[in-house]
Amino acid sequence: MAEVVITKENFDEEVRNYKGMPVLLDLWAGWCGPCMMLSPIIEEIADEMDGKVKVGKINVDEQPELAMAFKAQSIPMLVVVKDGVIQKQEIGFRSKEAVYDMLGIYPDMK
């Protein structure tokens, strides 16, 4: 599953009211070096966890209301939401393993 661009217009449908699998949100900006380092990791997780985790990207420059709603004072910021409730939040670059630890779900090892 590709990453979903989250905006204030689709937030309720894609995140708040979404039931089932967890949603991993990546709050980022194009000028943020650590965000750019994290981006390919988030993309890999979106591919590896297709059907188990929904991955959403929130550009804080384009969606300041959502950035404020999450109280994002530093980026990158990762948020795990399940059934509309924030489960975990982490600020700063994270390794792939650390992101999987946040989710508590791991890819099937082949």
PDB file of N, CA and C in Angstrom:
ATOM      1  N   MET A   1       0.857  -1.175   0.000  1.00  0.00           N
ATOM      2  CA  MET A   1       0.000   0.000   0.000  1.00  0.00           C
ATOM      3  C   MET A   1       0.896   1.228   0.000  1.00  0.00           C
ATOM      4  N   ALA A   2       0.580   2.128  -0.850  1.00  0.00           N
ATOM      5  CA  ALA A   2       1.339   3.371  -0.887  1.00  0.00           C
ATOM      6  C   ALA A   2       0.973   4.231   0.320  1.00  0.00           C
ATOM      7  N   GLU A   3       1.855   5.144   0.606  1.00  0.00           N
ATOM      8  CA  GLU A   3       1.577   6.092   1.681  1.00  0.00           C
ATOM      9  C   GLU A   3       0.425   6.996   1.252  1.00  0.00           C
ATOM     10  N   VAL A   4      -0.390   7.389   2.218  1.00  0.00           N
ATOM     11  CA  VAL A   4      -1.529   8.256   1.963  1.00  0.00           C
ATOM     12  C   VAL A   4      -1.158   9.665   2.421  1.00  0.00           C
ATOM     13  N   VAL A   5      -1.386  10.651   1.558  1.00  0.00           N
ATOM     14  CA  VAL A   5      -1.176  12.046   1.949  1.00  0.00           C
ATOM     15  C   VAL A   5      -2.368  12.459   2.804  1.00  0.00           C
ATOM     16  N   ILE A   6      -2.088  12.852   4.037  1.00  0.00           N
ATOM     17  CA  ILE A   6      -3.136  13.231   4.978  1.00  0.00           C
ATOM     18  C   ILE A   6      -3.257  14.748   5.002  1.00  0.00           C
ATOM     19  N   THR A   7      -4.492  15.214   4.834  1.00  0.00           N
ATOM     20  CA  THR A   7      -4.796  16.644   4.876  1.00  0.00           C
ATOM     21  C   THR A   7      -5.911  16.858   5.892  1.00  0.00           C
ATOM     22  N   LYS A   8      -6.174  18.112   6.214  1.00  0.00           N
ATOM     23  CA  LYS A   8      -7.279  18.372   7.148  1.00  0.00           C
ATOM     24  C   LYS A   8      -8.602  17.915   6.540  1.00  0.00           C
ATOM     25  N   GLU A   9      -8.696  17.897   5.204  1.00  0.00           N
ATOM     26  CA  GLU A   9      -9.926  17.490   4.542  1.00  0.00           C
ATOM     27  C   GLU A   9     -10.181  15.980   4.644  1.00  0.00           C
ATOM     28  N   ASN A  10      -9.121  15.164   4.611  1.00  0.00           N
ATOM     29  CA  ASN A  10      -9.328  13.707   4.648  1.00  0.00           C
ATOM     30  C   ASN A  10      -8.936  13.080   5.987  1.00  0.00           C
ATOM     31  N   PHE A  11      -8.542  13.889   6.968  1.00  0.00           N
ATOM     32  CA  PHE A  11      -8.057  13.363   8.246  1.00  0.00           C
ATOM     33  C   PHE A  11      -9.089  12.480   8.952  1.00  0.00           C
ATOM     34  N   ASP A  12     -10.330  12.938   9.029  1.00  0.00           N
ATOM     35  CA  ASP A  12     -11.342  12.146   9.731  1.00  0.00           C
ATOM     36  C   ASP A  12     -11.522  10.775   9.083  1.00  0.00           C
ATOM     37  N   GLU A  13     -11.646  10.756   7.769  1.00  0.00           N
ATOM     38  CA  GLU A  13     -11.859   9.490   7.056  1.00  0.00           C
ATOM     39  C   GLU A  13     -10.640   8.566   7.140  1.00  0.00           C
ATOM     40  N   GLU A  14      -9.452   9.127   6.937  1.00  0.00           N
ATOM     41  CA  GLU A  14      -8.241   8.312   6.842  1.00  0.00           C
ATOM     42  C   GLU A  14      -7.629   7.952   8.198  1.00  0.00           C
ATOM     43  N   VAL A  15      -7.912   8.752   9.237  1.00  0.00           N
ATOM     44  CA  VAL A  15      -7.246   8.536  10.530  1.00  0.00           C
ATOM     45  C   VAL A  15      -8.248   8.451  11.682  1.00  0.00           C
ATOM     46  N   ARG A  16      -8.913   9.535  11.971  1.00  0.00           N
ATOM     47  CA  ARG A  16      -9.750   9.612  13.179  1.00  0.00           C
ATOM     48  C   ARG A  16     -10.846   8.545  13.211  1.00  0.00           C
ATOM     49  N   ASN A  17     -11.555   8.354  12.117  1.00  0.00           N
ATOM     50  CA  ASN A  17     -12.670   7.409  12.086  1.00  0.00           C
ATOM     51  C   ASN A  17     -12.288   6.065  11.470  1.00  0.00           C
ATOM     52  N   TYR A  18     -11.012   5.875  11.181  1.00  0.00           N
ATOM     53  CA  TYR A  18     -10.556   4.640  10.546  1.00  0.00           C
ATOM     54  C   TYR A  18     -10.500   3.520  11.580  1.00  0.00           C
ATOM     55  N   LYS A  19     -11.156   2.425  11.274  1.00  0.00           N
ATOM     56  CA  LYS A  19     -11.186   1.285  12.194  1.00  0.00           C
ATOM     57  C   LYS A  19     -10.416   0.118  11.587  1.00  0.00           C
ATOM     58  N   GLY A  20      -9.839  -0.680  12.421  1.00  0.00           N
ATOM     59  CA  GLY A  20      -9.114  -1.857  11.941  1.00  0.00           C
ATOM     60  C   GLY A  20      -7.648  -1.747  12.250  1.00  0.00           C
ATOM     61  N   MET A  21      -6.846  -1.659  11.201  1.00  0.00           N
ATOM     62  CA  MET A  21      -5.399  -1.653  11.404  1.00  0.00           C
ATOM     63  C   MET A  21      -4.907  -0.301  11.925  1.00  0.00           C
ATOM     64  N   PRO A  22      -3.745  -0.308  12.573  1.00  0.00           N
ATOM     65  CA  PRO A  22      -3.170   0.958  13.049  1.00  0.00           C
ATOM     66  C   PRO A  22      -2.778   1.864  11.891  1.00  0.00           C
ATOM     67  N   VAL A  23      -2.718   3.153  12.197  1.00  0.00           N
ATOM     68  CA  VAL A  23      -2.274   4.155  11.230  1.00  0.00           C
ATOM     69  C   VAL A  23      -0.971   4.743  11.760  1.00  0.00           C
ATOM     70  N   LEU A  24       0.070   4.666  10.948  1.00  0.00           N
ATOM     71  CA  LEU A  24       1.359   5.288  11.265  1.00  0.00           C
ATOM     72  C   LEU A  24       1.415   6.615  10.527  1.00  0.00           C
ATOM     73  N   LEU A  25       1.499   7.707  11.270  1.00  0.00           N
ATOM     74  CA  LEU A  25       1.580   9.037  10.674  1.00  0.00           C
ATOM     75  C   LEU A  25       3.000   9.566  10.768  1.00  0.00           C
ATOM     76  N   ASP A  26       3.486  10.085   9.655  1.00  0.00           N
ATOM     77  CA  ASP A  26       4.809  10.697   9.576  1.00  0.00           C
ATOM     78  C   ASP A  26       4.601  12.186   9.346  1.00  0.00           C
ATOM     79  N   LEU A  27       4.880  13.004  10.364  1.00  0.00           N
ATOM     80  CA  LEU A  27       4.810  14.451  10.219  1.00  0.00           C
ATOM     81  C   LEU A  27       6.186  14.936   9.788  1.00  0.00           C
ATOM     82  N   TRP A  28       6.257  15.639   8.669  1.00  0.00           N
ATOM     83  CA  TRP A  28       7.527  15.956   8.045  1.00  0.00           C
ATOM     84  C   TRP A  28       7.454  17.297   7.313  1.00  0.00           C
ATOM     85  N   ALA A  29       8.617  17.734   6.808  1.00  0.00           N
ATOM     86  CA  ALA A  29       8.706  18.916   5.936  1.00  0.00           C
ATOM     87  C   ALA A  29       9.863  18.705   4.965  1.00  0.00           C
ATOM     88  N   GLY A  30       9.760  19.307   3.805  1.00  0.00           N
ATOM     89  CA  GLY A  30      10.768  19.143   2.760  1.00  0.00           C
ATOM     90  C   GLY A  30      12.129  19.712   3.111  1.00  0.00           C
ATOM     91  N   TRP A  31      12.190  20.667   4.015  1.00  0.00           N
ATOM     92  CA  TRP A  31      13.459  21.302   4.388  1.00  0.00           C
ATOM     93  C   TRP A  31      14.152  20.573   5.537  1.00  0.00           C
ATOM     94  N   CYS A  32      13.522  19.534   6.077  1.00  0.00           N
ATOM     95  CA  CYS A  32      14.008  18.843   7.277  1.00  0.00           C
ATOM     96  C   CYS A  32      14.898  17.659   6.896  1.00  0.00           C
ATOM     97  N   GLY A  33      16.181  17.768   7.184  1.00  0.00           N
ATOM     98  CA  GLY A  33      17.132  16.705   6.856  1.00  0.00           C
ATOM     99  C   GLY A  33      16.775  15.355   7.458  1.00  0.00           C
ATOM    100  N   PRO A  34      16.535  15.276   8.770  1.00  0.00           N
ATOM    101  CA  PRO A  34      16.160  13.988   9.359  1.00  0.00           C
ATOM    102  C   PRO A  34      14.867  13.415   8.762  1.00  0.00           C
ATOM    103  N   CYS A  35      13.947  14.301   8.355  1.00  0.00           N
ATOM    104  CA  CYS A  35      12.711  13.836   7.706  1.00  0.00           C
ATOM    105  C   CYS A  35      13.035  13.136   6.390  1.00  0.00           C
ATOM    106  N   MET A  36      13.971  13.706   5.642  1.00  0.00           N
ATOM    107  CA  MET A  36      14.352  13.123   4.360  1.00  0.00           C
ATOM    108  C   MET A  36      15.073  11.786   4.562  1.00  0.00           C
ATOM    109  N   MET A  37      15.806  11.656   5.659  1.00  0.00           N
ATOM    110  CA  MET A  37      16.478  10.386   5.975  1.00  0.00           C
ATOM    111  C   MET A  37      15.449   9.323   6.387  1.00  0.00           C
ATOM    112  N   LEU A  38      14.401   9.744   7.063  1.00  0.00           N
ATOM    113  CA  LEU A  38      13.377   8.822   7.548  1.00  0.00           C
ATOM    114  C   LEU A  38      12.420   8.386   6.437  1.00  0.00           C
ATOM    115  N   SER A  39      12.212   9.226   5.454  1.00  0.00           N
ATOM    116  CA  SER A  39      11.218   8.986   4.414  1.00  0.00           C
ATOM    117  C   SER A  39      11.342   7.622   3.723  1.00  0.00           C
ATOM    118  N   PRO A  40      12.548   7.201   3.290  1.00  0.00           N
ATOM    119  CA  PRO A  40      12.630   5.881   2.636  1.00  0.00           C
ATOM    120  C   PRO A  40      12.323   4.728   3.590  1.00  0.00           C
ATOM    121  N   ILE A  41      12.596   4.902   4.860  1.00  0.00           N
ATOM    122  CA  ILE A  41      12.271   3.870   5.850  1.00  0.00           C
ATOM    123  C   ILE A  41      10.755   3.742   5.971  1.00  0.00           C
ATOM    124  N   ILE A  42      10.067   4.871   6.031  1.00  0.00           N
ATOM    125  CA  ILE A  42       8.607   4.866   6.138  1.00  0.00           C
ATOM    126  C   ILE A  42       7.995   4.250   4.874  1.00  0.00           C
ATOM    127  N   GLU A  43       8.581   4.567   3.726  1.00  0.00           N
ATOM    128  CA  GLU A  43       8.109   3.997   2.457  1.00  0.00           C
ATOM    129  C   GLU A  43       8.263   2.472   2.442  1.00  0.00           C
ATOM    130  N   GLU A  44       9.404   1.977   2.920  1.00  0.00           N
ATOM    131  CA  GLU A  44       9.631   0.527   3.000  1.00  0.00           C
ATOM    132  C   GLU A  44       8.605  -0.130   3.923  1.00  0.00           C
ATOM    133  N   ILE A  45       8.347   0.501   5.063  1.00  0.00           N
ATOM    134  CA  ILE A  45       7.381  -0.049   6.013  1.00  0.00           C
ATOM    135  C   ILE A  45       5.990  -0.080   5.385  1.00  0.00           C
ATOM    136  N   ALA A  46       5.628   0.954   4.645  1.00  0.00           N
ATOM    137  CA  ALA A  46       4.326   0.985   3.968  1.00  0.00           C
ATOM    138  C   ALA A  46       4.201  -0.204   3.022  1.00  0.00           C
ATOM    139  N   ASP A  47       5.279  -0.513   2.296  1.00  0.00           N
ATOM    140  CA  ASP A  47       5.263  -1.647   1.364  1.00  0.00           C
ATOM    141  C   ASP A  47       5.239  -2.984   2.110  1.00  0.00           C
ATOM    142  N   GLU A  48       6.086  -3.111   3.117  1.00  0.00           N
ATOM    143  CA  GLU A  48       6.212  -4.377   3.840  1.00  0.00           C
ATOM    144  C   GLU A  48       4.977  -4.699   4.678  1.00  0.00           C
ATOM    145  N   MET A  49       4.293  -3.685   5.154  1.00  0.00           N
ATOM    146  CA  MET A  49       3.169  -3.892   6.071  1.00  0.00           C
ATOM    147  C   MET A  49       1.820  -3.654   5.399  1.00  0.00           C
ATOM    148  N   ASP A  50       1.797  -3.720   4.077  1.00  0.00           N
ATOM    149  CA  ASP A  50       0.560  -3.550   3.329  1.00  0.00           C
ATOM    150  C   ASP A  50      -0.501  -4.511   3.862  1.00  0.00           C
ATOM    151  N   GLY A  51      -1.643  -3.976   4.231  1.00  0.00           N
ATOM    152  CA  GLY A  51      -2.716  -4.792   4.777  1.00  0.00           C
ATOM    153  C   GLY A  51      -2.673  -4.960   6.287  1.00  0.00           C
ATOM    154  N   LYS A  52      -1.564  -4.502   6.918  1.00  0.00           N
ATOM    155  CA  LYS A  52      -1.440  -4.608   8.375  1.00  0.00           C
ATOM    156  C   LYS A  52      -1.363  -3.242   9.045  1.00  0.00           C
ATOM    157  N   VAL A  53      -0.829  -2.249   8.300  1.00  0.00           N
ATOM    158  CA  VAL A  53      -0.669  -0.889   8.820  1.00  0.00           C
ATOM    159  C   VAL A  53      -0.951   0.082   7.679  1.00  0.00           C
ATOM    160  N   LYS A  54      -1.715   1.124   7.974  1.00  0.00           N
ATOM    161  CA  LYS A  54      -1.894   2.211   7.009  1.00  0.00           C
ATOM    162  C   LYS A  54      -0.840   3.261   7.339  1.00  0.00           C
ATOM    163  N   VAL A  55      -0.163   3.771   6.330  1.00  0.00           N
ATOM    164  CA  VAL A  55       0.875   4.782   6.542  1.00  0.00           C
ATOM    165  C   VAL A  55       0.426   6.092   5.913  1.00  0.00           C
ATOM    166  N   GLY A  56       0.419   7.147   6.725  1.00  0.00           N
ATOM    167  CA  GLY A  56       0.031   8.467   6.254  1.00  0.00           C
ATOM    168  C   GLY A  56       1.151   9.475   6.442  1.00  0.00           C
ATOM    169  N   LYS A  57       1.241  10.411   5.505  1.00  0.00           N
ATOM    170  CA  LYS A  57       2.252  11.466   5.560  1.00  0.00           C
ATOM    171  C   LYS A  57       1.541  12.809   5.733  1.00  0.00           C
ATOM    172  N   ILE A  58       2.012  13.595   6.705  1.00  0.00           N
ATOM    173  CA  ILE A  58       1.467  14.932   6.937  1.00  0.00           C
ATOM    174  C   ILE A  58       2.600  15.939   6.764  1.00  0.00           C
ATOM    175  N   ASN A  59       2.503  16.745   5.714  1.00  0.00           N
ATOM    176  CA  ASN A  59       3.472  17.814   5.503  1.00  0.00           C
ATOM    177  C   ASN A  59       3.067  18.970   6.413  1.00  0.00           C
ATOM    178  N   VAL A  60       3.885  19.257   7.425  1.00  0.00           N
ATOM    179  CA  VAL A  60       3.516  20.264   8.431  1.00  0.00           C
ATOM    180  C   VAL A  60       3.447  21.678   7.857  1.00  0.00           C
ATOM    181  N   ASP A  61       4.169  21.943   6.774  1.00  0.00           N
ATOM    182  CA  ASP A  61       4.096  23.263   6.151  1.00  0.00           C
ATOM    183  C   ASP A  61       2.780  23.446   5.405  1.00  0.00           C
ATOM    184  N   GLU A  62       2.274  22.363   4.813  1.00  0.00           N
ATOM    185  CA  GLU A  62       1.028  22.431   4.054  1.00  0.00           C
ATOM    186  C   GLU A  62      -0.200  22.194   4.930  1.00  0.00           C
ATOM    187  N   GLN A  63      -0.003  21.589   6.097  1.00  0.00           N
ATOM    188  CA  GLN A  63      -1.114  21.255   6.989  1.00  0.00           C
ATOM    189  C   GLN A  63      -0.832  21.763   8.415  1.00  0.00           C
ATOM    190  N   PRO A  64      -0.704  23.090   8.582  1.00  0.00           N
ATOM    191  CA  PRO A  64      -0.355  23.612   9.910  1.00  0.00           C
ATOM    192  C   PRO A  64      -1.401  23.295  10.977  1.00  0.00           C
ATOM    193  N   GLU A  65      -2.672  23.172  10.582  1.00  0.00           N
ATOM    194  CA  GLU A  65      -3.711  22.849  11.571  1.00  0.00           C
ATOM    195  C   GLU A  65      -3.477  21.460  12.168  1.00  0.00           C
ATOM    196  N   LEU A  66      -3.099  20.497  11.321  1.00  0.00           N
ATOM    197  CA  LEU A  66      -2.828  19.146  11.822  1.00  0.00           C
ATOM    198  C   LEU A  66      -1.562  19.136  12.672  1.00  0.00           C
ATOM    199  N   ALA A  67      -0.550  19.889  12.251  1.00  0.00           N
ATOM    200  CA  ALA A  67       0.683  19.974  13.045  1.00  0.00           C
ATOM    201  C   ALA A  67       0.359  20.515  14.438  1.00  0.00           C
ATOM    202  N   MET A  68      -0.495  21.524  14.501  1.00  0.00           N
ATOM    203  CA  MET A  68      -0.879  22.096  15.795  1.00  0.00           C
ATOM    204  C   MET A  68      -1.710  21.100  16.596  1.00  0.00           C
ATOM    205  N   ALA A  69      -2.593  20.369  15.931  1.00  0.00           N
ATOM    206  CA  ALA A  69      -3.437  19.393  16.626  1.00  0.00           C
ATOM    207  C   ALA A  69      -2.590  18.301  17.289  1.00  0.00           C
ATOM    208  N   PHE A  70      -1.475  17.937  16.648  1.00  0.00           N
ATOM    209  CA  PHE A  70      -0.569  16.939  17.222  1.00  0.00           C
ATOM    210  C   PHE A  70       0.502  17.572  18.111  1.00  0.00           C
ATOM    211  N   LYS A  71       0.448  18.888  18.281  1.00  0.00           N
ATOM    212  CA  LYS A  71       1.426  19.624  19.085  1.00  0.00           C
ATOM    213  C   LYS A  71       2.848  19.332  18.610  1.00  0.00           C
ATOM    214  N   ALA A  72       3.017  19.303  17.290  1.00  0.00           N
ATOM    215  CA  ALA A  72       4.313  18.994  16.684  1.00  0.00           C
ATOM    216  C   ALA A  72       5.221  20.217  16.763  1.00  0.00           C
ATOM    217  N   GLN A  73       6.132  20.204  17.723  1.00  0.00           N
ATOM    218  CA  GLN A  73       7.084  21.289  17.858  1.00  0.00           C
ATOM    219  C   GLN A  73       8.420  20.931  17.236  1.00  0.00           C
ATOM    220  N   SER A  74       8.646  19.646  16.992  1.00  0.00           N
ATOM    221  CA  SER A  74       9.855  19.169  16.318  1.00  0.00           C
ATOM    222  C   SER A  74       9.444  18.086  15.335  1.00  0.00           C
ATOM    223  N   ILE A  75      10.197  18.010  14.252  1.00  0.00           N
ATOM    224  CA  ILE A  75       9.963  16.962  13.262  1.00  0.00           C
ATOM    225  C   ILE A  75      11.295  16.329  12.895  1.00  0.00           C
ATOM    226  N   PRO A  76      11.312  15.126  12.381  1.00  0.00           N
ATOM    227  CA  PRO A  76      10.146  14.300  12.106  1.00  0.00           C
ATOM    228  C   PRO A  76       9.470  13.846  13.393  1.00  0.00           C
ATOM    229  N   MET A  77       8.169  13.624  13.256  1.00  0.00           N
ATOM    230  CA  MET A  77       7.374  13.125  14.374  1.00  0.00           C
ATOM    231  C   MET A  77       6.551  11.956  13.853  1.00  0.00           C
ATOM    232  N   LEU A  78       6.624  10.844  14.542  1.00  0.00           N
ATOM    233  CA  LEU A  78       5.848   9.672  14.184  1.00  0.00           C
ATOM    234  C   LEU A  78       4.763   9.464  15.224  1.00  0.00           C
ATOM    235  N   VAL A  79       3.554   9.170  14.746  1.00  0.00           N
ATOM    236  CA  VAL A  79       2.412   8.959  15.628  1.00  0.00           C
ATOM    237  C   VAL A  79       1.706   7.675  15.184  1.00  0.00           C
ATOM    238  N   VAL A  80       1.407   6.813  16.142  1.00  0.00           N
ATOM    239  CA  VAL A  80       0.628   5.612  15.861  1.00  0.00           C
ATOM    240  C   VAL A  80      -0.772   5.842  16.422  1.00  0.00           C
ATOM    241  N   VAL A  81      -1.774   5.712  15.540  1.00  0.00           N
ATOM    242  CA  VAL A  81      -3.174   5.905  15.916  1.00  0.00           C
ATOM    243  C   VAL A  81      -3.913   4.602  15.640  1.00  0.00           C
ATOM    244  N   LYS A  82      -4.698   4.159  16.608  1.00  0.00           N
ATOM    245  CA  LYS A  82      -5.512   2.940  16.427  1.00  0.00           C
ATOM    246  C   LYS A  82      -6.934   3.268  16.854  1.00  0.00           C
ATOM    247  N   ASP A  83      -7.876   3.037  15.945  1.00  0.00           N
ATOM    248  CA  ASP A  83      -9.292   3.318  16.206  1.00  0.00           C
ATOM    249  C   ASP A  83      -9.497   4.740  16.724  1.00  0.00           C
ATOM    250  N   GLY A  84      -8.772   5.694  16.135  1.00  0.00           N
ATOM    251  CA  GLY A  84      -8.938   7.103  16.464  1.00  0.00           C
ATOM    252  C   GLY A  84      -8.221   7.580  17.704  1.00  0.00           C
ATOM    253  N   VAL A  85      -7.471   6.690  18.364  1.00  0.00           N
ATOM    254  CA  VAL A  85      -6.788   7.041  19.613  1.00  0.00           C
ATOM    255  C   VAL A  85      -5.272   6.965  19.409  1.00  0.00           C
ATOM    256  N   ILE A  86      -4.574   8.012  19.835  1.00  0.00           N
ATOM    257  CA  ILE A  86      -3.107   8.009  19.747  1.00  0.00           C
ATOM    258  C   ILE A  86      -2.558   6.958  20.706  1.00  0.00           C
ATOM    259  N   GLN A  87      -1.760   6.051  20.165  1.00  0.00           N
ATOM    260  CA  GLN A  87      -1.148   4.992  20.961  1.00  0.00           C
ATOM    261  C   GLN A  87       0.283   5.341  21.374  1.00  0.00           C
ATOM    262  N   LYS A  88       1.037   5.915  20.420  1.00  0.00           N
ATOM    263  CA  LYS A  88       2.440   6.274  20.683  1.00  0.00           C
ATOM    264  C   LYS A  88       2.819   7.468  19.829  1.00  0.00           C
ATOM    265  N   GLN A  89       3.802   8.220  20.324  1.00  0.00           N
ATOM    266  CA  GLN A  89       4.380   9.354  19.598  1.00  0.00           C
ATOM    267  C   GLN A  89       5.873   9.359  19.848  1.00  0.00           C
ATOM    268  N   GLU A  90       6.623   9.616  18.793  1.00  0.00           N
ATOM    269  CA  GLU A  90       8.083   9.730  18.908  1.00  0.00           C
ATOM    270  C   GLU A  90       8.543  10.899  18.052  1.00  0.00           C
ATOM    271  N   ILE A  91       9.538  11.609  18.536  1.00  0.00           N
ATOM    272  CA  ILE A  91      10.097  12.742  17.802  1.00  0.00           C
ATOM    273  C   ILE A  91      11.532  12.402  17.416  1.00  0.00           C
ATOM    274  N   GLY A  92      11.897  12.776  16.192  1.00  0.00           N
ATOM    275  CA  GLY A  92      13.262  12.576  15.723  1.00  0.00           C
ATOM    276  C   GLY A  92      13.393  11.355  14.837  1.00  0.00           C
ATOM    277  N   PHE A  93      14.548  11.248  14.218  1.00  0.00           N
ATOM    278  CA  PHE A  93      14.825  10.115  13.334  1.00  0.00           C
ATOM    279  C   PHE A  93      14.760   8.813  14.119  1.00  0.00           C
ATOM    280  N   ARG A  94      14.195   7.794  13.506  1.00  0.00           N
ATOM    281  CA  ARG A  94      14.124   6.463  14.102  1.00  0.00           C
ATOM    282  C   ARG A  94      14.584   5.439  13.079  1.00  0.00           C
ATOM    283  N   SER A  95      15.245   4.412  13.553  1.00  0.00           N
ATOM    284  CA  SER A  95      15.630   3.311  12.673  1.00  0.00           C
ATOM    285  C   SER A  95      14.373   2.535  12.291  1.00  0.00           C
ATOM    286  N   LYS A  96      14.494   1.711  11.282  1.00  0.00           N
ATOM    287  CA  LYS A  96      13.374   0.881  10.856  1.00  0.00           C
ATOM    288  C   LYS A  96      12.912  -0.016  12.008  1.00  0.00           C
ATOM    289  N   GLU A  97      13.856  -0.596  12.714  1.00  0.00           N
ATOM    290  CA  GLU A  97      13.531  -1.474  13.840  1.00  0.00           C
ATOM    291  C   GLU A  97      12.771  -0.713  14.924  1.00  0.00           C
ATOM    292  N   ALA A  98      13.183   0.527  15.184  1.00  0.00           N
ATOM    293  CA  ALA A  98      12.510   1.342  16.205  1.00  0.00           C
ATOM    294  C   ALA A  98      11.079   1.674  15.792  1.00  0.00           C
ATOM    295  N   VAL A  99      10.871   1.897  14.500  1.00  0.00           N
ATOM    296  CA  VAL A  99       9.509   2.178  14.027  1.00  0.00           C
ATOM    297  C   VAL A  99       8.650   0.925  14.179  1.00  0.00           C
ATOM    298  N   TYR A 100       9.208  -0.235  13.833  1.00  0.00           N
ATOM    299  CA  TYR A 100       8.465  -1.485  14.036  1.00  0.00           C
ATOM    300  C   TYR A 100       8.160  -1.697  15.521  1.00  0.00           C
ATOM    301  N   ASP A 101       9.096  -1.351  16.387  1.00  0.00           N
ATOM    302  CA  ASP A 101       8.849  -1.467  17.828  1.00  0.00           C
ATOM    303  C   ASP A 101       7.696  -0.560  18.254  1.00  0.00           C
ATOM    304  N   MET A 102       7.627   0.646  17.670  1.00  0.00           N
ATOM    305  CA  MET A 102       6.510   1.550  17.958  1.00  0.00           C
ATOM    306  C   MET A 102       5.178   0.909  17.585  1.00  0.00           C
ATOM    307  N   LEU A 103       5.175   0.268  16.419  1.00  0.00           N
ATOM    308  CA  LEU A 103       3.952  -0.348  15.920  1.00  0.00           C
ATOM    309  C   LEU A 103       3.592  -1.618  16.686  1.00  0.00           C
ATOM    310  N   GLY A 104       4.624  -2.323  17.155  1.00  0.00           N
ATOM    311  CA  GLY A 104       4.382  -3.596  17.816  1.00  0.00           C
ATOM    312  C   GLY A 104       3.950  -4.686  16.842  1.00  0.00           C
ATOM    313  N   ILE A 105       4.176  -4.436  15.566  1.00  0.00           N
ATOM    314  CA  ILE A 105       3.853  -5.376  14.493  1.00  0.00           C
ATOM    315  C   ILE A 105       5.094  -5.502  13.626  1.00  0.00           C
ATOM    316  N   TYR A 106       5.422  -6.713  13.240  1.00  0.00           N
ATOM    317  CA  TYR A 106       6.644  -6.923  12.474  1.00  0.00           C
ATOM    318  C   TYR A 106       6.322  -7.639  11.174  1.00  0.00           C
ATOM    319  N   PRO A 107       7.140  -7.398  10.141  1.00  0.00           N
ATOM    320  CA  PRO A 107       6.871  -8.069   8.855  1.00  0.00           C
ATOM    321  C   PRO A 107       7.145  -9.569   8.976  1.00  0.00           C
ATOM    322  N   ASP A 108       6.473 -10.310   8.132  1.00  0.00           N
ATOM    323  CA  ASP A 108       6.744 -11.754   8.079  1.00  0.00           C
ATOM    324  C   ASP A 108       8.153 -11.956   7.559  1.00  0.00           C
ATOM    325  N   MET A 109       8.925 -12.719   8.278  1.00  0.00           N
ATOM    326  CA  MET A 109      10.302 -12.980   7.854  1.00  0.00           C
ATOM    327  C   MET A 109      10.279 -14.138   6.860  1.00  0.00           C
ATOM    328  N   LYS A 110      10.942 -13.945   5.758  1.00  0.00           N
ATOM    329  CA  LYS A 110      10.951 -14.962   4.710  1.00  0.00           C
ATOM    330  C   LYS A 110      12.189 -15.814   4.811  1.00  0.00           C
TER     331      LYS A 110
END
